[in-house]
C-alpha atoms as a PDB file:
ATOM      1  CA  MET A   1      -0.221  -0.118  -0.072  1.00  0.00           C
ATOM      2  CA  LYS A   2       1.031   3.557  -0.674  1.00  0.00           C
ATOM      3  CA  PHE A   3       2.154   5.367   2.106  1.00  0.00           C
ATOM      4  CA  GLU A   4      -0.428   8.462   1.103  1.00  0.00           C
ATOM      5  CA  ASP A   5      -3.422   6.388   1.262  1.00  0.00           C
ATOM      6  CA  SER A   6      -2.916   4.582   4.095  1.00  0.00           C
ATOM      7  CA  GLN A   7      -4.227   4.493   7.357  1.00  0.00           C
ATOM      8  CA  THR A   8      -1.188   4.864   8.792  1.00  0.00           C
ATOM      9  CA  LYS A   9      -0.586   8.473   7.642  1.00  0.00           C
ATOM     10  CA  LEU A  10      -3.914   9.420   9.592  1.00  0.00           C
ATOM     11  CA  ASN A  11      -2.818   7.405  12.286  1.00  0.00           C
ATOM     12  CA  LEU A  12       0.574   9.102  12.610  1.00  0.00           C
ATOM     13  CA  ALA A  13      -0.994  12.495  12.470  1.00  0.00           C
ATOM     14  CA  ARG A  14      -3.433  11.825  15.061  1.00  0.00           C
ATOM     15  CA  ALA A  15      -0.550  10.164  17.233  1.00  0.00           C
ATOM     16  CA  PHE A  16       1.383  13.754  16.286  1.00  0.00           C
ATOM     17  CA  ALA A  17      -1.299  16.039  17.445  1.00  0.00           C
ATOM     18  CA  GLY A  18      -2.350  13.488  20.729  1.00  0.00           C
ATOM     19  CA  GLU A  19       1.297  13.718  21.990  1.00  0.00           C
ATOM     20  CA  CYS A  20       1.731  17.192  21.450  1.00  0.00           C
ATOM     21  CA  MET A  21      -1.315  17.791  23.687  1.00  0.00           C
ATOM     22  CA  ASP A  22      -0.112  15.173  26.410  1.00  0.00           C
ATOM     23  CA  GLY A  23       3.069  17.202  26.113  1.00  0.00           C
ATOM     24  CA  ALA A  24       0.943  20.509  27.078  1.00  0.00           C
ATOM     25  CA  ARG A  25      -1.640  19.142  29.462  1.00  0.00           C
ATOM     26  CA  TYR A  26       1.369  17.960  31.565  1.00  0.00           C
ATOM     27  CA  GLN A  27       2.639  21.009  31.551  1.00  0.00           C
ATOM     28  CA  PHE A  28      -0.264  22.433  32.572  1.00  0.00           C
ATOM     29  CA  ILE A  29      -0.084  19.940  35.735  1.00  0.00           C
ATOM     30  CA  ALA A  30       3.491  21.006  36.638  1.00  0.00           C
ATOM     31  CA  GLN A  31       2.423  24.785  36.687  1.00  0.00           C
ATOM     32  CA  LYS A  32      -0.705  23.670  39.175  1.00  0.00           C
ATOM     33  CA  ALA A  33       1.996  21.438  40.952  1.00  0.00           C
ATOM     34  CA  MET A  34       4.353  24.637  41.392  1.00  0.00           C
ATOM     35  CA  SER A  35       1.802  26.897  42.247  1.00  0.00           C
ATOM     36  CA  GLU A  36       0.515  25.048  45.242  1.00  0.00           C
ATOM     37  CA  GLY A  37       4.697  24.631  46.043  1.00  0.00           C
ATOM     38  CA  LYS A  38       5.378  21.021  44.979  1.00  0.00           C
ATOM     39  CA  LYS A  39       8.084  21.288  42.890  1.00  0.00           C
ATOM     40  CA  ASN A  40       9.247  17.536  43.156  1.00  0.00           C
ATOM     41  CA  ILE A  41       5.711  16.947  41.167  1.00  0.00           C
ATOM     42  CA  GLN A  42       6.192  19.914  38.666  1.00  0.00           C
ATOM     43  CA  SER A  43       9.610  18.568  38.054  1.00  0.00           C
ATOM     44  CA  PHE A  44       8.281  14.879  37.202  1.00  0.00           C
ATOM     45  CA  PHE A  45       5.425  16.035  35.115  1.00  0.00           C
ATOM     46  CA  LYS A  46       7.963  18.542  33.033  1.00  0.00           C
ATOM     47  CA  SER A  47       9.972  15.225  32.376  1.00  0.00           C
ATOM     48  CA  ILE A  48       7.175  13.384  31.486  1.00  0.00           C
ATOM     49  CA  ALA A  49       5.577  16.501  29.107  1.00  0.00           C
ATOM     50  CA  LYS A  50       9.637  16.236  27.358  1.00  0.00           C
ATOM     51  CA  ASN A  51       9.327  12.318  27.112  1.00  0.00           C
ATOM     52  CA  GLU A  52       5.685  13.319  25.243  1.00  0.00           C
ATOM     53  CA  MET A  53       7.294  15.928  22.865  1.00  0.00           C
ATOM     54  CA  ALA A  54      10.095  13.286  21.935  1.00  0.00           C
ATOM     55  CA  HIS A  55       7.193  10.928  21.006  1.00  0.00           C
ATOM     56  CA  ALA A  56       5.627  13.500  18.595  1.00  0.00           C
ATOM     57  CA  LYS A  57       9.245  14.387  17.099  1.00  0.00           C
ATOM     58  CA  THR A  58       9.115  10.535  16.135  1.00  0.00           C
ATOM     59  CA  PHE A  59       6.176  10.771  14.864  1.00  0.00           C
ATOM     60  CA  TRP A  60       6.219  13.863  12.751  1.00  0.00           C
ATOM     61  CA  THR A  61       9.564  12.371  11.598  1.00  0.00           C
ATOM     62  CA  ILE A  62       8.107   9.309  10.410  1.00  0.00           C
ATOM     63  CA  ILE A  63       5.416  11.217   7.888  1.00  0.00           C
ATOM     64  CA  ALA A  64       7.927  13.818   6.890  1.00  0.00           C
ATOM     65  CA  LYS A  65      10.771  10.946   5.490  1.00  0.00           C
ATOM     66  CA  GLN A  66       7.465   8.701   4.251  1.00  0.00           C
ATOM     67  CA  SER A  67       5.741  11.858   2.415  1.00  0.00           C
ATOM     68  CA  LYS A  68       6.684  11.881  -1.230  1.00  0.00           C
ATOM     69  CA  GLU A  69       5.743  15.842  -1.011  1.00  0.00           C
ATOM     70  CA  VAL A  70       5.438  18.446   1.877  1.00  0.00           C
ATOM     71  CA  GLN A  71       2.319  17.687   3.616  1.00  0.00           C
ATOM     72  CA  HIS A  72       0.326  20.671   4.081  1.00  0.00           C
ATOM     73  CA  ASN A  73      -2.733  19.478   5.660  1.00  0.00           C
ATOM     74  CA  ILE A  74      -3.262  16.024   6.566  1.00  0.00           C
ATOM     75  CA  GLU A  75      -7.395  16.093   7.802  1.00  0.00           C
ATOM     76  CA  ILE A  76      -7.798  14.040  10.923  1.00  0.00           C
ATOM     77  CA  LYS A  77     -10.921  12.967  12.848  1.00  0.00           C
ATOM     78  CA  ALA A  78     -10.589  12.514  16.040  1.00  0.00           C
ATOM     79  CA  GLY A  79     -11.375  13.540  19.689  1.00  0.00           C
ATOM     80  CA  TYR A  80      -9.093  14.779  22.193  1.00  0.00           C
ATOM     81  CA  PRO A  81      -9.695  15.103  26.035  1.00  0.00           C
ATOM     82  CA  PHE A  82      -9.926  18.101  27.964  1.00  0.00           C
ATOM     83  CA  ALA A  83      -9.992  17.812  31.630  1.00  0.00           C
ATOM     84  CA  ASP A  84      -9.353  20.300  34.108  1.00  0.00           C
ATOM     85  CA  GLY A  85      -9.965  20.383  38.004  1.00  0.00           C
ATOM     86  CA  ASP A  86      -7.813  20.376  41.243  1.00  0.00           C
ATOM     87  CA  LEU A  87      -3.947  18.692  41.071  1.00  0.00           C
ATOM     88  CA  MET A  88      -5.097  15.324  41.975  1.00  0.00           C
ATOM     89  CA  ASP A  89      -7.854  15.076  38.856  1.00  0.00           C
ATOM     90  CA  MET A  90      -5.570  16.370  36.908  1.00  0.00           C
ATOM     91  CA  ILE A  91      -2.849  13.416  37.955  1.00  0.00           C
ATOM     92  CA  LYS A  92      -5.920  10.240  37.845  1.00  0.00           C
ATOM     93  CA  TYR A  93      -7.145  11.913  34.715  1.00  0.00           C
ATOM     94  CA  ALA A  94      -3.531  11.441  33.501  1.00  0.00           C
ATOM     95  CA  THR A  95      -3.306   7.961  34.531  1.00  0.00           C
ATOM     96  CA  ASN A  96      -6.323   7.069  32.332  1.00  0.00           C
ATOM     97  CA  THR A  97      -4.751   8.469  29.089  1.00  0.00           C
ATOM     98  CA  GLU A  98      -1.506   6.666  29.637  1.00  0.00           C
ATOM     99  CA  LYS A  99      -3.397   3.384  29.961  1.00  0.00           C
ATOM    100  CA  SER A 100      -5.741   3.772  27.155  1.00  0.00           C
ATOM    101  CA  GLU A 101      -2.477   4.945  24.639  1.00  0.00           C
ATOM    102  CA  SER A 102      -0.744   1.778  25.993  1.00  0.00           C
ATOM    103  CA  THR A 103      -3.157  -0.566  26.026  1.00  0.00           C
ATOM    104  CA  SER A 104      -5.582   0.081  23.504  1.00  0.00           C
ATOM    105  CA  ILE A 105      -4.776   3.391  21.377  1.00  0.00           C
ATOM    106  CA  TYR A 106      -1.139   2.486  19.748  1.00  0.00           C
ATOM    107  CA  PRO A 107      -1.260  -1.575  20.070  1.00  0.00           C
ATOM    108  CA  SER A 108      -4.245  -1.067  17.527  1.00  0.00           C
ATOM    109  CA  PHE A 109      -2.290   1.650  15.193  1.00  0.00           C
ATOM    110  CA  ALA A 110       0.495  -0.605  15.393  1.00  0.00           C
ATOM    111  CA  LYS A 111      -1.545  -3.518  14.193  1.00  0.00           C
ATOM    112  CA  ILE A 112      -2.845  -1.728  11.270  1.00  0.00           C
ATOM    113  CA  ALA A 113       0.558  -0.460  10.394  1.00  0.00           C
ATOM    114  CA  GLU A 114       1.552  -4.004  10.015  1.00  0.00           C
ATOM    115  CA  ASP A 115      -1.562  -5.061   7.860  1.00  0.00           C
ATOM    116  CA  GLU A 116      -0.527  -2.191   5.592  1.00  0.00           C
ATOM    117  CA  GLY A 117       3.013  -3.670   5.288  1.00  0.00           C
ATOM    118  CA  PHE A 118       4.659  -0.617   7.440  1.00  0.00           C
ATOM    119  CA  LYS A 119       6.627  -2.819   9.771  1.00  0.00           C
ATOM    120  CA  GLU A 120       9.270  -0.526  10.946  1.00  0.00           C
ATOM    121  CA  ILE A 121       6.585   1.710  11.410  1.00  0.00           C
ATOM    122  CA  ALA A 122       4.720  -0.699  13.757  1.00  0.00           C
ATOM    123  CA  GLU A 123       7.446  -0.995  15.620  1.00  0.00           C
ATOM    124  CA  LYS A 124       7.679   2.294  16.793  1.00  0.00           C
ATOM    125  CA  PHE A 125       4.370   2.541  17.775  1.00  0.00           C
ATOM    126  CA  LYS A 126       4.908  -0.530  19.766  1.00  0.00           C
ATOM    127  CA  LEU A 127       7.794   1.304  21.597  1.00  0.00           C
ATOM    128  CA  VAL A 128       6.040   4.369  22.008  1.00  0.00           C
ATOM    129  CA  ALA A 129       3.171   2.117  23.908  1.00  0.00           C
ATOM    130  CA  ARG A 130       5.877   0.262  25.798  1.00  0.00           C
ATOM    131  CA  ALA A 131       6.889   4.164  27.439  1.00  0.00           C
ATOM    132  CA  GLU A 132       3.671   5.275  27.952  1.00  0.00           C
ATOM    133  CA  SER A 133       2.935   2.157  30.068  1.00  0.00           C
ATOM    134  CA  GLU A 134       5.948   3.212  32.253  1.00  0.00           C
ATOM    135  CA  HIS A 135       4.564   6.643  32.278  1.00  0.00           C
ATOM    136  CA  PHE A 136       1.212   4.596  33.035  1.00  0.00           C
ATOM    137  CA  MET A 137       3.058   3.124  35.699  1.00  0.00           C
ATOM    138  CA  GLN A 138       4.805   5.924  37.460  1.00  0.00           C
ATOM    139  CA  ILE A 139       1.705   8.165  37.338  1.00  0.00           C
ATOM    140  CA  ASP A 140      -0.964   6.331  38.494  1.00  0.00           C
ATOM    141  CA  SER A 141       2.391   4.921  41.498  1.00  0.00           C
ATOM    142  CA  LEU A 142       2.497   9.339  42.243  1.00  0.00           C
ATOM    143  CA  TYR A 143      -1.442   9.195  42.365  1.00  0.00           C
ATOM    144  CA  ASN A 144      -1.899   6.574  44.939  1.00  0.00           C
ATOM    145  CA  LYS A 145       1.243   7.922  46.801  1.00  0.00           C
ATOM    146  CA  LEU A 146      -1.030  11.514  47.013  1.00  0.00           C
ATOM    147  CA  LYS A 147      -3.983  10.135  47.613  1.00  0.00           C
ATOM    148  CA  SER A 148      -2.913   8.158  50.695  1.00  0.00           C
ATOM    149  CA  GLY A 149      -0.667  11.093  52.214  1.00  0.00           C
ATOM    150  CA  ASP A 150       2.662   8.655  52.053  1.00  0.00           C
ATOM    151  CA  LEU A 151       4.304  10.393  49.202  1.00  0.00           C
ATOM    152  CA  TYR A 152       7.529  10.611  51.048  1.00  0.00           C
ATOM    153  CA  SER A 153       7.629   6.852  52.299  1.00  0.00           C
ATOM    154  CA  SER A 154       7.685   3.528  50.551  1.00  0.00           C
ATOM    155  CA  ALA A 155       8.283  -0.063  51.490  1.00  0.00           C
ATOM    156  CA  ARG A 156      10.796  -0.359  48.581  1.00  0.00           C
ATOM    157  CA  PRO A 157      14.335   2.002  48.310  1.00  0.00           C
ATOM    158  CA  TYR A 158      13.811   4.352  45.854  1.00  0.00           C
ATOM    159  CA  ASP A 159      16.720   6.604  44.254  1.00  0.00           C
ATOM    160  CA  TRP A 160      15.432  10.212  46.021  1.00  0.00           C
ATOM    161  CA  LYS A 161      17.309  12.950  44.053  1.00  0.00           C
ATOM    162  CA  CYS A 162      17.496  16.739  45.163  1.00  0.00           C
ATOM    163  CA  ASP A 163      15.989  18.839  42.132  1.00  0.00           C
ATOM    164  CA  ASN A 164      18.279  21.763  43.236  1.00  0.00           C
ATOM    165  CA  CYS A 165      22.172  20.415  43.716  1.00  0.00           C
ATOM    166  CA  GLY A 166      21.516  16.968  42.512  1.00  0.00           C
ATOM    167  CA  TYR A 167      22.020  15.084  45.412  1.00  0.00           C
ATOM    168  CA  THR A 168      20.750  11.539  45.181  1.00  0.00           C
ATOM    169  CA  ILE A 169      20.156   8.687  47.895  1.00  0.00           C
ATOM    170  CA  CYS A 170      18.829   5.276  47.936  1.00  0.00           C
ATOM    171  CA  ASP A 171      16.339   5.022  50.458  1.00  0.00           C
ATOM    172  CA  LYS A 172      12.989   4.033  51.402  1.00  0.00           C
ATOM    173  CA  HIS A 173      12.439   7.656  52.930  1.00  0.00           C
ATOM    174  CA  PRO A 174      14.452  10.915  51.632  1.00  0.00           C
ATOM    175  CA  TYR A 175      15.744  13.813  53.524  1.00  0.00           C
ATOM    176  CA  GLU A 176      13.627  16.295  55.234  1.00  0.00           C
ATOM    177  CA  THR A 177      16.462  18.788  54.221  1.00  0.00           C
ATOM    178  CA  CYS A 178      18.807  18.259  51.556  1.00  0.00           C
ATOM    179  CA  PRO A 179      21.847  17.596  53.535  1.00  0.00           C
ATOM    180  CA  LEU A 180      24.278  19.166  50.747  1.00  0.00           C
ATOM    181  CA  CYS A 181      22.305  22.474  49.874  1.00  0.00           C
ATOM    182  CA  GLU A 182      19.886  22.213  52.112  1.00  0.00           C
ATOM    183  CA  MET A 183      17.012  22.527  50.137  1.00  0.00           C
ATOM    184  CA  ASP A 184      13.383  21.162  51.969  1.00  0.00           C
ATOM    185  CA  GLN A 185      11.895  17.966  50.879  1.00  0.00           C
ATOM    186  CA  ASN A 186       9.803  19.808  48.078  1.00  0.00           C
ATOM    187  CA  SER A 187      13.061  20.044  46.230  1.00  0.00           C
ATOM    188  CA  ILE A 188      13.131  16.164  46.057  1.00  0.00           C
ATOM    189  CA  THR A 189      12.927  14.552  42.483  1.00  0.00           C
ATOM    190  CA  LEU A 190      10.243  11.715  42.194  1.00  0.00           C
ATOM    191  CA  ASN A 191      11.766   8.765  40.474  1.00  0.00           C
ATOM    192  CA  MET A 192       9.678   5.914  41.158  1.00  0.00           C
ATOM    193  CA  ILE A 193      11.663   3.523  40.116  1.00  0.00           C
ATOM    194  CA  THR A 194      12.996   1.265  42.564  1.00  0.00           C
ATOM    195  CA  CYS A 195      17.197   1.855  43.153  1.00  0.00           C
ATOM    196  CA  PRO A 196      19.289  -1.060  44.545  1.00  0.00           C
ATOM    197  CA  LYS A 197      20.082  -0.666  48.013  1.00  0.00           C
ATOM    198  CA  ASP A 198      23.489  -0.979  48.944  1.00  0.00           C
END
């Protein structure tokens, strides 16, 4: 099948638009977190927003490389979520979006690409689905920790990194004040990946 006539081309355009919206929405969450003095949550969502824009760039690049001519406009029909609320509402909504992208949207786009003969594009959709699955797990973990009021403790050790100076420890609990630069706990970047405890 020719790329110009494919559903895959439309799916790439939809994916590009969706990732741009995710990146913007996570910047909005980061702004809300910062306005509440939660610098750690701000840093976490700014990092996720950067990831989403990297996904958008991947889809953009594929369209540019596959197209025989400049794409002045690709008409797409798709629904995109608009949700607001307090910080917890926005974080919860983010978990739903990431789960949908990782378990439904991108796997279906990958299957269509495979069926249309675009195996390399199908693989990119699968890789992005995997990244979105990681986002889902991280954001869901963050949401549950905030909901339980247990953000700064864990049964397993995590890397806790000061966003100001970079001082990092691997422990079940972070420091209340960074021993290096003396910033308070709200400067600690959340890393939801467990680290090996020495």
